[in-house]
Amino acid sequence: MKISYLTYMVLVAVFTFCAGVSAQSGTTVGGDMGTYRVHCNVEGAQVYFDGDLKGAISQGILDVPVYVTGTPYRNYLVVKEGYYNYTGPINSVPGSGKVIHIYVTMTAVPLVPYGTLHVLVSPADSRVSLDGNPTEEVPVNGVLILYNVKPGKHTLVAEKSGYITVTQDVNMPNNGLIQVPINLQPVQYGSISVTSVPAGASVYLDGQVRGSTPITLSDIPSGSHSVMVQGEGYQEFISAVVVTPGATTQVDASLSPVTPAQGATRAADLSLVPLAGAMAFACLFFAGRRK
């Protein structure tokens, strides 16, 4: 099919117009270029533009070439381990063949003079925690090494089932290396014998019910405990006791009846008045009928 010259020219014009509209609807990238030159005092620091990594500082600078017609950047970020991050805005776009200089002075994060703590624990299969952090098991050689301990006061806790837990304060000096020996002692046990008047009252040891009086509680860890004796209709009896290893501690509870409140007694007395009146009326009524 033959196409006339006029038709050909119209098609070319339409194509050119559509291509121009398409180019304007997107971002035109290409053509002339400019440069951002980042100056920094820290070798190897990484440079980001709007979150995109552009490279690392080498010999004090990093050149970031950009198209003049590209989308402008808004901010930059410079990072390096051991230094505070450095960020700032990008307010202009370099012209063709031009350079915009960005100067960055990074500040080092102050070094913490950490110390090392050697915890010597017996028995070896205990567990140790520092400042409430998760516990760590002591190796078979009995020495637990804790690295990177900040200078200052710390709380060390050593524990093992069947042994008395030890809590100890530790003061770590700058760049210090200190040893802390801890010897855990086995828990020793005694007994508590509890009686009450009247008998049959409930016995609580450290808040846990253990039975009724009279009762002897065995295998109680030595040390301070709380005993409460409670009977229905009686006031609670509470006593602090100290259990001695291998011995029996006696607790004798004399329970006192619960005294009703004065207001409650008076209300009870008043409640009987209508009943007494009703009974008197009934007696008079039946007496009259008998006549």
Foldseek 3Di string as FASTA:
>chain_A
DDDDPVRVVVVVVVVVVVVVVVPVVDQDADDFKEKEKEFEPDFQWWKDFVRHTQGTDDPGIDIRMGGQRGDDTFKMWTDDPQWDIDMDTDDDGADGHYYHYHYDYIDGDDDFQFEKEKEQEPPQQKWKDKQPDDIDGGDNVRIDMDTRHGAAKIWMWIDDPQWDIDIDIDGAHRHYYDYHYDYTHGFFWAKEFEAEVVWFWWKAKQRHTDGTPGDMGTRHTFAKIKIWTDDVQWDIDIDIDGGDGPYYHYHYYYTHGDDDDPVVVVVVVVVCVVVVVVVVVVVVVVVVVVD
